[in-house]
Amino acid sequence: MDEKAAVAALAALAQEARLRVFRALVGAGPEGLTPGALGAMLDIAGSTLSFHLKELVHAGLVTVDRDGRNLHYRPALAQMNALLGYLTDHCCQGQACAPVRGRRRTTC
C-alpha cells in the first residue's frame, strides 16, 4: 500500500458512522451484508448509509456486488490488512517488539 491509498483509507474511517459500518462489515466477514441489514443493525437511515458505503467503496475498504435486485457489501479484507501492514511496517525500527525492562508492557 502506498501513502496516498493509506491516507484515503484512514480519511474514510475517520468518521463515526463509517467506522461503525466498516466494523459491522468486518464482523460479518466475507459474506457481507445488505444495506437493509446494515441499516437495521446500526440504526442508520438508507440515504445516509448509502453515502457512507459509497465513501468506503471509493477508499477501497469495501466492495459491492449485485445479486439480482440486492446489493451485498463486503469488507475488502486484503485492503484492510494492507493498511494495517502499512501502519506497522516500521514498528520498533523493523525489529521484533521487545518487552521494556521492569514493566510488563511491550514497547509497541
N, C-alpha and C. Protein backbone atom coordinates (compact mmCIF):
# COMPACT_ATOMS: atom_id res chain seq x y z
N MET A 1 0.86 -1.18 0.00
CA MET A 1 0.00 0.00 0.00
C MET A 1 0.90 1.23 0.00
N ASP A 2 0.51 2.21 -0.79
CA ASP A 2 1.28 3.45 -0.81
C ASP A 2 0.63 4.48 0.12
N GLU A 3 1.35 5.57 0.32
CA GLU A 3 0.89 6.60 1.25
C GLU A 3 -0.45 7.20 0.85
N LYS A 4 -0.65 7.43 -0.43
CA LYS A 4 -1.90 8.03 -0.91
C LYS A 4 -3.10 7.13 -0.59
N ALA A 5 -2.96 5.83 -0.82
CA ALA A 5 -4.05 4.89 -0.51
C ALA A 5 -4.29 4.80 0.99
N ALA A 6 -3.22 4.85 1.78
CA ALA A 6 -3.37 4.80 3.24
C ALA A 6 -4.11 6.03 3.74
N VAL A 7 -3.78 7.19 3.21
CA VAL A 7 -4.46 8.42 3.63
C VAL A 7 -5.94 8.36 3.26
N ALA A 8 -6.25 7.87 2.06
CA ALA A 8 -7.65 7.77 1.64
C ALA A 8 -8.43 6.81 2.55
N ALA A 9 -7.82 5.68 2.89
CA ALA A 9 -8.49 4.71 3.76
C ALA A 9 -8.69 5.28 5.16
N LEU A 10 -7.67 5.91 5.70
CA LEU A 10 -7.79 6.48 7.04
C LEU A 10 -8.79 7.63 7.07
N ALA A 11 -8.83 8.43 6.00
CA ALA A 11 -9.81 9.52 5.93
C ALA A 11 -11.22 8.96 5.90
N ALA A 12 -11.43 7.87 5.18
CA ALA A 12 -12.76 7.27 5.12
C ALA A 12 -13.18 6.74 6.48
N LEU A 13 -12.25 6.22 7.24
CA LEU A 13 -12.57 5.66 8.55
C LEU A 13 -12.64 6.71 9.65
N ALA A 14 -12.23 7.93 9.34
CA ALA A 14 -12.19 8.99 10.34
C ALA A 14 -13.54 9.70 10.48
N GLN A 15 -14.59 8.93 10.42
CA GLN A 15 -15.94 9.45 10.59
C GLN A 15 -16.72 8.37 11.35
N GLU A 16 -17.40 8.75 12.39
CA GLU A 16 -18.02 7.80 13.31
C GLU A 16 -18.93 6.78 12.62
N ALA A 17 -19.84 7.22 11.79
CA ALA A 17 -20.79 6.30 11.15
C ALA A 17 -20.07 5.36 10.20
N ARG A 18 -19.10 5.86 9.44
CA ARG A 18 -18.37 4.99 8.50
C ARG A 18 -17.55 3.96 9.25
N LEU A 19 -16.97 4.36 10.35
CA LEU A 19 -16.21 3.41 11.15
C LEU A 19 -17.13 2.31 11.69
N ARG A 20 -18.33 2.68 12.13
CA ARG A 20 -19.30 1.70 12.61
C ARG A 20 -19.72 0.76 11.48
N VAL A 21 -19.96 1.30 10.29
CA VAL A 21 -20.34 0.49 9.14
C VAL A 21 -19.22 -0.49 8.80
N PHE A 22 -18.00 0.01 8.73
CA PHE A 22 -16.87 -0.85 8.38
C PHE A 22 -16.69 -1.95 9.42
N ARG A 23 -16.78 -1.62 10.68
CA ARG A 23 -16.64 -2.64 11.74
C ARG A 23 -17.74 -3.68 11.64
N ALA A 24 -18.95 -3.27 11.32
CA ALA A 24 -20.05 -4.22 11.16
C ALA A 24 -19.78 -5.16 9.99
N LEU A 25 -19.25 -4.62 8.90
CA LEU A 25 -18.95 -5.46 7.74
C LEU A 25 -17.80 -6.41 8.03
N VAL A 26 -16.79 -5.95 8.74
CA VAL A 26 -15.69 -6.84 9.13
C VAL A 26 -16.22 -7.95 10.02
N GLY A 27 -17.13 -7.61 10.92
CA GLY A 27 -17.74 -8.61 11.79
C GLY A 27 -18.55 -9.64 11.01
N ALA A 28 -19.17 -9.21 9.92
CA ALA A 28 -19.95 -10.13 9.09
C ALA A 28 -19.06 -11.04 8.27
N GLY A 29 -17.82 -10.62 8.05
CA GLY A 29 -16.87 -11.43 7.30
C GLY A 29 -17.10 -11.35 5.80
N PRO A 30 -16.50 -12.29 5.07
CA PRO A 30 -16.56 -12.25 3.61
C PRO A 30 -17.96 -12.32 3.02
N GLU A 31 -18.91 -12.84 3.78
CA GLU A 31 -20.29 -12.93 3.29
C GLU A 31 -20.91 -11.55 3.12
N GLY A 32 -20.51 -10.61 3.97
CA GLY A 32 -21.01 -9.24 3.88
C GLY A 32 -22.45 -9.10 4.33
N LEU A 33 -23.00 -7.93 4.07
CA LEU A 33 -24.37 -7.60 4.48
C LEU A 33 -25.04 -6.76 3.40
N THR A 34 -26.34 -6.81 3.40
CA THR A 34 -27.12 -5.94 2.51
C THR A 34 -27.29 -4.59 3.20
N PRO A 35 -27.58 -3.54 2.44
CA PRO A 35 -27.82 -2.24 3.07
C PRO A 35 -28.98 -2.28 4.07
N GLY A 36 -30.01 -3.06 3.78
CA GLY A 36 -31.13 -3.17 4.71
C GLY A 36 -30.70 -3.75 6.05
N ALA A 37 -29.90 -4.79 6.01
CA ALA A 37 -29.41 -5.42 7.24
C ALA A 37 -28.49 -4.47 8.00
N LEU A 38 -27.62 -3.78 7.27
CA LEU A 38 -26.71 -2.82 7.91
C LEU A 38 -27.49 -1.68 8.55
N GLY A 39 -28.45 -1.14 7.82
CA GLY A 39 -29.24 -0.03 8.34
C GLY A 39 -29.99 -0.40 9.60
N ALA A 40 -30.58 -1.60 9.60
CA ALA A 40 -31.31 -2.06 10.79
C ALA A 40 -30.36 -2.30 11.96
N MET A 41 -29.22 -2.88 11.67
CA MET A 41 -28.25 -3.20 12.72
C MET A 41 -27.69 -1.94 13.37
N LEU A 42 -27.41 -0.93 12.55
CA LEU A 42 -26.75 0.28 13.04
C LEU A 42 -27.68 1.45 13.25
N ASP A 43 -28.96 1.28 12.90
CA ASP A 43 -29.95 2.35 13.02
C ASP A 43 -29.51 3.60 12.25
N ILE A 44 -29.18 3.38 10.97
CA ILE A 44 -28.77 4.46 10.08
C ILE A 44 -29.76 4.51 8.92
N ALA A 45 -30.25 5.70 8.60
CA ALA A 45 -31.20 5.87 7.51
C ALA A 45 -30.57 5.45 6.18
N GLY A 46 -31.40 4.96 5.27
CA GLY A 46 -30.93 4.43 4.00
C GLY A 46 -30.09 5.41 3.19
N SER A 47 -30.53 6.66 3.06
CA SER A 47 -29.78 7.63 2.25
C SER A 47 -28.43 7.95 2.90
N THR A 48 -28.42 8.05 4.21
CA THR A 48 -27.17 8.31 4.93
C THR A 48 -26.23 7.12 4.79
N LEU A 49 -26.77 5.91 4.94
CA LEU A 49 -25.97 4.70 4.82
C LEU A 49 -25.38 4.59 3.42
N SER A 50 -26.17 4.90 2.41
CA SER A 50 -25.70 4.85 1.04
C SER A 50 -24.50 5.77 0.83
N PHE A 51 -24.56 6.96 1.37
CA PHE A 51 -23.45 7.91 1.27
C PHE A 51 -22.19 7.34 1.91
N HIS A 52 -22.32 6.79 3.11
CA HIS A 52 -21.15 6.25 3.81
C HIS A 52 -20.58 5.02 3.12
N LEU A 53 -21.45 4.16 2.60
CA LEU A 53 -20.97 2.99 1.87
C LEU A 53 -20.21 3.41 0.61
N LYS A 54 -20.72 4.43 -0.07
CA LYS A 54 -20.04 4.94 -1.28
C LYS A 54 -18.63 5.42 -0.93
N GLU A 55 -18.49 6.10 0.18
CA GLU A 55 -17.17 6.59 0.60
C GLU A 55 -16.22 5.43 0.92
N LEU A 56 -16.73 4.40 1.56
CA LEU A 56 -15.91 3.24 1.89
C LEU A 56 -15.51 2.47 0.64
N VAL A 57 -16.42 2.37 -0.32
CA VAL A 57 -16.10 1.71 -1.59
C VAL A 57 -15.03 2.52 -2.32
N HIS A 58 -15.21 3.83 -2.36
CA HIS A 58 -14.25 4.71 -3.04
C HIS A 58 -12.85 4.58 -2.42
N ALA A 59 -12.78 4.40 -1.11
CA ALA A 59 -11.49 4.26 -0.42
C ALA A 59 -10.90 2.86 -0.58
N GLY A 60 -11.66 1.94 -1.18
CA GLY A 60 -11.16 0.59 -1.39
C GLY A 60 -11.29 -0.33 -0.20
N LEU A 61 -12.01 0.10 0.83
CA LEU A 61 -12.16 -0.72 2.03
C LEU A 61 -13.36 -1.66 1.97
N VAL A 62 -14.26 -1.41 1.04
CA VAL A 62 -15.49 -2.19 0.91
C VAL A 62 -15.72 -2.47 -0.58
N THR A 63 -16.23 -3.66 -0.86
CA THR A 63 -16.63 -3.98 -2.23
C THR A 63 -18.14 -4.17 -2.25
N VAL A 64 -18.72 -4.03 -3.43
CA VAL A 64 -20.16 -4.21 -3.57
C VAL A 64 -20.42 -5.10 -4.77
N ASP A 65 -21.33 -6.06 -4.58
CA ASP A 65 -21.76 -6.97 -5.65
C ASP A 65 -23.27 -6.94 -5.73
N ARG A 66 -23.77 -6.99 -6.95
CA ARG A 66 -25.21 -7.03 -7.17
C ARG A 66 -25.61 -8.49 -7.35
N ASP A 67 -26.66 -8.88 -6.63
CA ASP A 67 -27.24 -10.22 -6.75
C ASP A 67 -28.72 -10.01 -7.05
N GLY A 68 -29.04 -9.93 -8.32
CA GLY A 68 -30.42 -9.62 -8.70
C GLY A 68 -30.74 -8.19 -8.31
N ARG A 69 -31.74 -8.03 -7.47
CA ARG A 69 -32.13 -6.70 -7.00
C ARG A 69 -31.37 -6.29 -5.74
N ASN A 70 -30.64 -7.21 -5.17
CA ASN A 70 -29.96 -6.94 -3.89
C ASN A 70 -28.50 -6.57 -4.09
N LEU A 71 -28.03 -5.67 -3.25
CA LEU A 71 -26.62 -5.32 -3.19
C LEU A 71 -26.03 -5.99 -1.95
N HIS A 72 -24.82 -6.49 -2.08
CA HIS A 72 -24.11 -7.08 -0.94
C HIS A 72 -22.80 -6.33 -0.78
N TYR A 73 -22.62 -5.73 0.36
CA TYR A 73 -21.39 -5.02 0.68
C TYR A 73 -20.52 -5.94 1.52
N ARG A 74 -19.24 -6.00 1.14
CA ARG A 74 -18.31 -6.89 1.82
C ARG A 74 -17.05 -6.10 2.19
N PRO A 75 -16.43 -6.43 3.32
CA PRO A 75 -15.18 -5.75 3.66
C PRO A 75 -14.07 -6.23 2.72
N ALA A 76 -13.24 -5.32 2.29
CA ALA A 76 -12.08 -5.67 1.47
C ALA A 76 -10.96 -6.02 2.45
N LEU A 77 -10.98 -7.27 2.90
CA LEU A 77 -10.07 -7.69 3.96
C LEU A 77 -8.61 -7.58 3.56
N ALA A 78 -8.30 -7.84 2.29
CA ALA A 78 -6.90 -7.71 1.84
C ALA A 78 -6.46 -6.25 1.94
N GLN A 79 -7.35 -5.32 1.59
CA GLN A 79 -7.02 -3.90 1.68
C GLN A 79 -6.88 -3.48 3.14
N MET A 80 -7.74 -3.99 4.00
CA MET A 80 -7.64 -3.69 5.43
C MET A 80 -6.31 -4.19 5.97
N ASN A 81 -5.93 -5.41 5.61
CA ASN A 81 -4.67 -5.96 6.07
C ASN A 81 -3.48 -5.20 5.50
N ALA A 82 -3.60 -4.72 4.26
CA ALA A 82 -2.53 -3.91 3.68
C ALA A 82 -2.38 -2.59 4.45
N LEU A 83 -3.50 -2.00 4.86
CA LEU A 83 -3.45 -0.77 5.66
C LEU A 83 -2.78 -1.04 7.00
N LEU A 84 -3.18 -2.11 7.66
CA LEU A 84 -2.55 -2.45 8.95
C LEU A 84 -1.06 -2.71 8.77
N GLY A 85 -0.70 -3.39 7.70
CA GLY A 85 0.71 -3.63 7.42
C GLY A 85 1.46 -2.33 7.18
N TYR A 86 0.86 -1.43 6.42
CA TYR A 86 1.48 -0.13 6.16
C TYR A 86 1.72 0.62 7.47
N LEU A 87 0.75 0.57 8.37
CA LEU A 87 0.87 1.29 9.63
C LEU A 87 1.90 0.69 10.57
N THR A 88 2.16 -0.61 10.44
CA THR A 88 3.08 -1.28 11.36
C THR A 88 4.40 -1.67 10.73
N ASP A 89 4.62 -1.35 9.47
CA ASP A 89 5.86 -1.73 8.79
C ASP A 89 7.11 -1.25 9.51
N HIS A 90 7.06 -0.12 10.11
CA HIS A 90 8.26 0.44 10.72
C HIS A 90 8.21 0.40 12.24
N CYS A 91 7.37 -0.46 12.76
CA CYS A 91 7.26 -0.62 14.21
C CYS A 91 8.61 -1.06 14.78
N CYS A 92 9.03 -0.44 15.82
CA CYS A 92 10.28 -0.80 16.52
C CYS A 92 11.47 -0.82 15.57
N GLN A 93 11.45 0.05 14.59
CA GLN A 93 12.53 0.19 13.61
C GLN A 93 12.86 -1.13 12.93
N GLY A 94 11.81 -1.91 12.66
CA GLY A 94 11.99 -3.17 11.94
C GLY A 94 12.39 -4.35 12.80
N GLN A 95 12.60 -4.12 14.07
CA GLN A 95 12.99 -5.19 15.00
C GLN A 95 11.74 -5.74 15.69
N ALA A 96 11.87 -6.94 16.20
CA ALA A 96 10.77 -7.51 16.98
C ALA A 96 10.54 -6.65 18.21
N CYS A 97 9.30 -6.43 18.57
CA CYS A 97 8.99 -5.63 19.76
C CYS A 97 9.47 -6.38 21.00
N ALA A 98 10.27 -5.70 21.78
CA ALA A 98 10.83 -6.33 22.99
C ALA A 98 10.16 -5.74 24.22
N PRO A 99 10.04 -6.55 25.26
CA PRO A 99 9.46 -6.01 26.50
C PRO A 99 10.38 -4.95 27.10
N VAL A 100 9.76 -3.95 27.72
CA VAL A 100 10.52 -2.92 28.41
C VAL A 100 10.94 -3.49 29.75
N ARG A 101 12.21 -3.32 30.09
CA ARG A 101 12.72 -3.88 31.36
C ARG A 101 11.99 -3.28 32.55
N GLY A 102 11.59 -4.15 33.45
CA GLY A 102 10.93 -3.71 34.66
C GLY A 102 9.44 -3.45 34.49
N ARG A 103 8.93 -3.63 33.30
CA ARG A 103 7.49 -3.43 33.04
C ARG A 103 6.95 -4.65 32.34
N ARG A 104 5.66 -4.82 32.41
CA ARG A 104 5.01 -5.93 31.73
C ARG A 104 4.63 -5.59 30.31
N ARG A 105 4.55 -4.31 29.99
CA ARG A 105 4.12 -3.89 28.66
C ARG A 105 5.28 -3.99 27.67
N THR A 106 4.92 -4.12 26.41
CA THR A 106 5.93 -4.08 25.36
C THR A 106 6.09 -2.66 24.88
N THR A 107 7.08 -2.43 24.05
CA THR A 107 7.35 -1.07 23.58
C THR A 107 6.39 -0.63 22.51
N CYS A 108 5.62 -1.54 21.94
CA CYS A 108 4.68 -1.16 20.87
C CYS A 108 3.27 -1.12 21.38
